[in-house]
Protein backbone atom coordinates (compact mmCIF):
# COMPACT_ATOMS: atom_id res chain seq x y z
CA MET A 1 78.09 92.22 102.12
CA THR A 2 81.24 91.64 100.07
CA GLU A 3 81.51 93.54 96.81
CA ARG A 4 82.79 92.18 93.51
CA ASN A 5 84.74 94.23 91.02
CA LEU A 6 83.05 93.11 87.80
CA ASN A 7 84.27 96.02 85.64
CA VAL A 8 81.99 95.31 82.67
CA GLN A 9 80.32 97.29 79.92
CA ARG A 10 78.53 94.71 77.74
CA VAL A 11 76.35 92.14 79.52
CA VAL A 12 74.37 89.13 78.33
CA VAL A 13 71.50 88.04 80.57
CA LYS A 14 70.01 84.57 80.14
CA VAL A 15 66.67 83.90 81.79
CA GLY A 16 65.33 80.37 82.07
CA THR A 17 61.84 79.09 81.52
CA SER A 18 61.38 78.45 85.25
CA SER A 19 61.77 82.18 85.87
CA LEU A 20 59.14 83.09 83.28
CA ILE A 21 56.51 80.36 83.59
CA TYR A 22 54.65 79.29 86.72
CA PRO A 23 54.39 75.55 87.48
CA THR A 24 50.75 75.95 86.43
CA GLY A 25 51.96 76.72 82.91
CA LYS A 26 50.85 80.35 83.00
CA ALA A 27 53.24 83.22 82.23
CA ASN A 28 54.77 84.85 85.30
CA LEU A 29 53.83 88.41 84.45
CA VAL A 30 55.39 89.79 87.63
CA ALA A 31 58.78 88.27 86.78
CA ILE A 32 58.59 89.44 83.16
CA ASP A 33 57.76 92.96 84.31
CA ARG A 34 60.62 93.00 86.82
CA LEU A 35 63.00 91.67 84.18
CA ALA A 36 62.04 94.47 81.80
CA TYR A 37 62.44 97.01 84.63
CA ALA A 38 65.89 95.74 85.59
CA LEU A 39 67.24 95.59 82.04
CA ALA A 40 65.85 99.04 81.22
CA ALA A 41 67.45 100.40 84.39
CA LEU A 42 70.81 98.85 83.48
CA LYS A 43 70.58 100.32 79.98
CA ASN A 44 69.87 103.72 81.48
CA LYS A 45 72.99 103.33 83.63
CA GLY A 46 75.04 102.95 80.45
CA TYR A 47 75.37 99.17 80.17
CA GLU A 48 74.97 97.45 76.81
CA VAL A 49 72.49 94.67 77.55
CA ILE A 50 71.50 91.59 75.57
CA LEU A 51 68.71 89.27 76.73
CA VAL A 52 68.71 85.56 75.87
CA SER A 53 65.25 84.33 76.74
CA SER A 54 63.77 80.86 77.05
CA GLY A 55 60.04 80.36 77.43
CA ALA A 56 58.66 79.98 73.90
CA ILE A 57 57.62 76.35 74.38
CA GLY A 58 56.11 77.08 77.80
CA VAL A 59 54.06 79.99 76.50
CA GLY A 60 53.03 78.02 73.42
CA LEU A 61 51.79 75.11 75.52
CA ASP A 62 49.64 77.51 77.52
CA VAL A 63 48.20 79.16 74.40
CA LEU A 64 47.12 75.75 73.08
CA HIS A 65 45.98 74.57 76.54
CA LEU A 66 48.37 71.60 76.48
CA GLN A 67 49.75 69.98 79.62
CA GLN A 68 52.63 68.09 78.04
CA ARG A 69 55.06 68.60 75.19
CA PRO A 70 53.99 66.62 72.13
CA GLU A 71 56.43 63.99 70.94
CA SER A 72 56.66 64.94 67.28
CA ILE A 73 59.30 67.48 66.22
CA ALA A 74 56.81 69.23 63.93
CA ASP A 75 54.35 69.78 66.78
CA GLN A 76 57.09 71.05 69.12
CA GLN A 77 58.30 73.49 66.49
CA ALA A 78 54.77 74.70 65.82
CA ILE A 79 54.28 75.30 69.55
CA ALA A 80 57.58 77.20 69.66
CA ALA A 81 56.46 79.40 66.76
CA ILE A 82 53.20 80.25 68.53
CA GLY A 83 54.86 80.78 71.90
CA GLN A 84 57.67 82.94 70.55
CA ALA A 85 55.19 85.36 69.01
CA GLU A 86 53.27 85.61 72.27
CA LEU A 87 56.42 85.96 74.35
CA ILE A 88 57.91 88.76 72.27
CA GLN A 89 54.59 90.60 72.49
CA LEU A 90 54.73 90.38 76.28
CA TYR A 91 58.29 91.68 76.26
CA HIS A 92 57.39 94.53 73.93
CA GLN A 93 54.59 95.64 76.24
CA ARG A 94 56.66 95.47 79.42
CA PHE A 95 59.82 97.06 78.04
CA ASP A 96 57.74 99.83 76.49
CA ASP A 97 56.38 100.63 79.97
CA TYR A 98 59.95 101.49 81.02
CA GLY A 99 60.87 103.44 77.89
CA ALA A 100 63.07 100.71 76.43
CA ARG A 101 63.01 99.31 72.91
CA ILE A 102 63.74 95.72 71.95
CA GLY A 103 64.72 93.89 68.77
CA GLN A 104 64.29 90.16 68.23
CA LEU A 105 67.01 87.82 66.92
CA LEU A 106 66.24 84.13 66.36
CA LEU A 107 69.47 82.21 65.80
CA THR A 108 70.66 78.80 64.69
CA HIS A 109 74.08 77.36 65.47
CA ASP A 110 75.23 77.31 61.86
CA VAL A 111 74.94 81.11 61.72
CA PHE A 112 78.12 81.24 63.81
CA GLU A 113 79.90 78.51 61.84
CA PHE A 114 80.09 80.45 58.58
CA LYS A 115 82.20 83.59 58.43
CA SER A 116 79.83 85.70 56.35
CA SER A 117 76.64 84.96 58.30
CA ARG A 118 78.52 85.26 61.59
CA GLN A 119 79.79 88.71 60.73
CA HIS A 120 76.35 89.85 59.61
CA VAL A 121 74.71 88.79 62.87
CA LEU A 122 77.49 90.35 64.95
CA ASP A 123 77.07 93.59 62.98
CA THR A 124 73.35 93.43 63.76
CA PHE A 125 74.05 93.12 67.48
CA ASP A 126 76.42 96.08 67.35
CA SER A 127 73.95 98.20 65.40
CA LEU A 128 71.08 97.45 67.78
CA LEU A 129 73.19 98.27 70.83
CA ALA A 130 74.52 101.45 69.20
CA HIS A 131 70.92 102.59 68.76
CA GLY A 132 70.07 101.85 72.37
CA ILE A 133 67.99 98.79 71.51
CA ILE A 134 68.01 95.70 73.75
CA PRO A 135 68.40 92.57 71.59
CA VAL A 136 66.13 89.72 72.70
CA VAL A 137 67.63 86.44 71.54
CA ASN A 138 66.31 82.90 71.35
CA GLU A 139 67.17 79.82 69.37
CA ASN A 140 65.07 79.56 66.23
CA ASP A 141 63.27 76.50 67.59
CA SER A 142 60.81 76.39 64.72
CA VAL A 143 63.49 75.44 62.18
CA ALA A 144 66.48 74.22 64.20
CA VAL A 145 67.08 70.48 63.84
CA ASP A 146 70.40 68.61 63.73
CA GLU A 147 70.67 66.41 60.67
CA LEU A 148 73.84 64.54 59.66
CA ASP A 149 76.73 67.03 59.71
CA HIS A 150 74.54 70.12 59.51
CA ARG A 151 74.33 71.47 63.05
CA THR A 152 71.64 74.05 63.60
CA THR A 153 70.74 73.64 67.28
CA PHE A 154 72.66 74.97 70.27
CA GLY A 155 71.20 72.24 72.48
CA ASP A 156 69.91 74.64 75.11
CA ASN A 157 69.80 78.34 75.83
CA ASP A 158 72.59 78.16 78.40
CA GLN A 159 74.94 77.26 75.56
CA LEU A 160 73.33 79.80 73.27
CA SER A 161 73.86 82.57 75.81
CA ALA A 162 77.53 81.66 76.28
CA VAL A 163 78.14 81.50 72.53
CA VAL A 164 76.47 84.89 72.06
CA ALA A 165 78.37 86.40 75.00
CA THR A 166 81.78 85.27 73.77
CA ARG A 167 81.06 86.21 70.16
CA VAL A 168 79.79 89.74 70.89
CA GLY A 169 82.59 90.49 73.33
CA ALA A 170 80.49 90.64 76.50
CA GLN A 171 82.57 90.70 79.65
CA LEU A 172 79.80 89.15 81.75
CA LEU A 173 77.11 86.52 81.33
CA VAL A 174 74.39 86.40 83.99
CA VAL A 175 72.34 83.19 84.08
CA LEU A 176 69.10 83.48 86.04
CA SER A 177 67.67 80.13 87.07
CA ASP A 178 65.62 78.46 89.80
CA ILE A 179 68.60 77.90 92.10
CA ASP A 180 70.64 80.38 94.14
CA GLY A 181 73.93 79.30 92.56
CA LEU A 182 76.42 76.43 92.60
CA TYR A 183 76.58 74.38 95.81
CA ASP A 184 79.28 72.04 97.05
CA CYS A 185 76.65 69.26 96.95
CA ASP A 186 73.02 68.87 95.94
CA PRO A 187 71.02 71.24 98.21
CA HIS A 188 67.85 69.28 97.50
CA LYS A 189 69.38 66.19 99.08
CA HIS A 190 71.81 67.61 101.63
CA ALA A 191 70.70 70.20 104.17
CA GLN A 192 74.33 71.10 104.91
CA ALA A 193 75.04 72.08 101.30
CA LYS A 194 76.97 75.36 101.05
CA LEU A 195 76.68 77.93 98.31
CA LEU A 196 79.93 78.57 96.48
CA THR A 197 80.10 82.34 96.06
CA ARG A 198 83.21 82.28 93.85
CA VAL A 199 84.70 79.73 91.47
CA ASP A 200 88.10 80.33 89.86
CA ASN A 201 88.62 76.83 88.52
CA LEU A 202 86.01 74.44 87.17
CA THR A 203 87.54 71.16 88.25
CA ASP A 204 86.58 67.75 86.92
CA ALA A 205 85.01 67.02 90.32
CA ILE A 206 82.72 70.03 90.00
CA MET A 207 81.71 69.12 86.44
CA GLU A 208 81.10 65.48 87.33
CA GLY A 209 79.06 66.42 90.40
CA ALA A 210 76.51 68.37 88.37
CA THR A 211 73.34 66.62 87.27
CA GLY A 212 71.03 67.44 84.41
CA SER A 213 67.33 68.04 84.70
CA SER A 214 64.38 68.94 82.56
CA THR A 215 60.74 69.91 82.88
CA ARG A 216 57.81 69.88 80.52
CA PHE A 217 58.52 73.56 79.83
CA GLY A 218 62.30 73.75 79.47
CA THR A 219 65.46 71.70 79.22
CA GLY A 220 68.81 71.93 80.95
CA GLY A 221 70.19 71.78 84.44
CA MET A 222 73.40 72.50 86.31
CA VAL A 223 75.47 70.64 83.71
CA THR A 224 74.52 73.06 80.95
CA LYS A 225 75.12 76.05 83.21
CA LEU A 226 78.59 74.85 84.12
CA ARG A 227 79.37 74.32 80.45
CA ALA A 228 78.29 77.91 79.81
CA ALA A 229 80.52 79.05 82.69
CA ALA A 230 83.40 77.02 81.27
CA ARG A 231 83.05 78.71 77.90
CA MET A 232 83.08 82.16 79.48
CA MET A 233 86.04 81.35 81.74
CA ALA A 234 88.04 79.95 78.84
CA HIS A 235 87.68 83.33 77.15
CA GLY A 236 88.87 85.13 80.27
CA ASP A 237 85.40 86.46 81.01
CA GLN A 238 82.91 86.08 83.85
CA MET A 239 79.58 84.48 84.61
CA VAL A 240 77.23 84.86 87.54
CA LEU A 241 74.64 82.17 88.27
CA ALA A 242 71.82 83.42 90.47
CA ASN A 243 68.19 82.86 91.36
CA GLY A 244 65.87 84.55 88.89
CA SER A 245 62.65 84.39 90.92
CA ASP A 246 62.98 88.17 91.19
CA PRO A 247 64.95 89.41 88.15
CA ARG A 248 65.65 92.70 89.92
CA ILE A 249 68.56 90.78 91.41
CA LEU A 250 70.36 91.89 88.24
CA LEU A 251 70.73 95.34 89.79
CA GLN A 252 72.48 93.81 92.80
CA ILE A 253 74.74 91.70 90.60
CA LEU A 254 75.88 94.63 88.47
CA ALA A 255 76.35 96.71 91.62
CA GLY A 256 78.92 94.11 92.70
CA ASP A 257 76.93 92.54 95.54
CA GLU A 258 77.94 89.01 96.46
CA VAL A 259 74.85 87.13 95.32
CA GLY A 260 74.82 83.84 93.46
CA THR A 261 78.00 82.18 92.25
CA TRP A 262 80.67 84.22 90.48
CA PHE A 263 82.74 82.32 87.93
CA ARG A 264 85.94 84.24 87.20
CA GLY A 265 87.77 83.47 83.99
CA GLN A 266 91.47 83.52 83.31
CA LYS A 267 92.69 83.75 79.74
CA ASN A 268 94.91 81.00 78.38
CA VAL A 269 93.64 78.58 81.04
CA GLU A 270 92.22 75.45 79.42
CA VAL A 271 88.69 74.65 80.53
CA ASN A 272 86.63 71.75 79.24
CA ALA A 273 83.28 73.17 78.20
CA ASN A 274 82.16 69.96 76.50
CA ALA A 275 80.49 72.08 73.85
């Protein structure tokens, strides 16, 4: 197996709802446990790790025994509030099993738009990491709504993770999803589709070939992941997109194993992130 020279110290890991919630709507406790194990192991190895976690809506739907997202914004935000509390409790239990401590940060986009609030939140990240705490980040879905020129939402957690990664100076963003990586064509439609193990240039053809998707639990798709990759590459940093069905794959990724798709950034190269 080919090895990659990632050469990183600070890592942001984004895990999607599909990796945390079964299609039945129940929490995937095995995946959550393995995620906590992998991140605790990486911290013990000396990495500074930040987790950006989806899943609040999915967990909230299960708590209220709902099969579909409600249409009203107020109901969705209430479900997010309930689910976030349940999710962070699950994380606390699992990380504690592996001797790791977590701290929760719920963010809105405007926090990064204003110099004072941006610096305060960046200082919080630095302080948590300096104390050996793993920050667990999510969008503050219970209050985030875009109105007029006041932007509070990130749109999706792929964008949130890329914004956090570039702002905190992480050299690597790992996005765990329900697909093995980026293919040269849709693997669900073309049996001959080939996994791209390395991407040095996000061409217009690649961006246009991606399609969005959504489920009743989460939002996003390949488009949002490529936009996250574009943001990282534009800053000269890296992103790996890999299958998060078993989050222990993080240990392989940080060991340099050639799994998933590796997006390598080059500073001063213009990349259209559309975000």
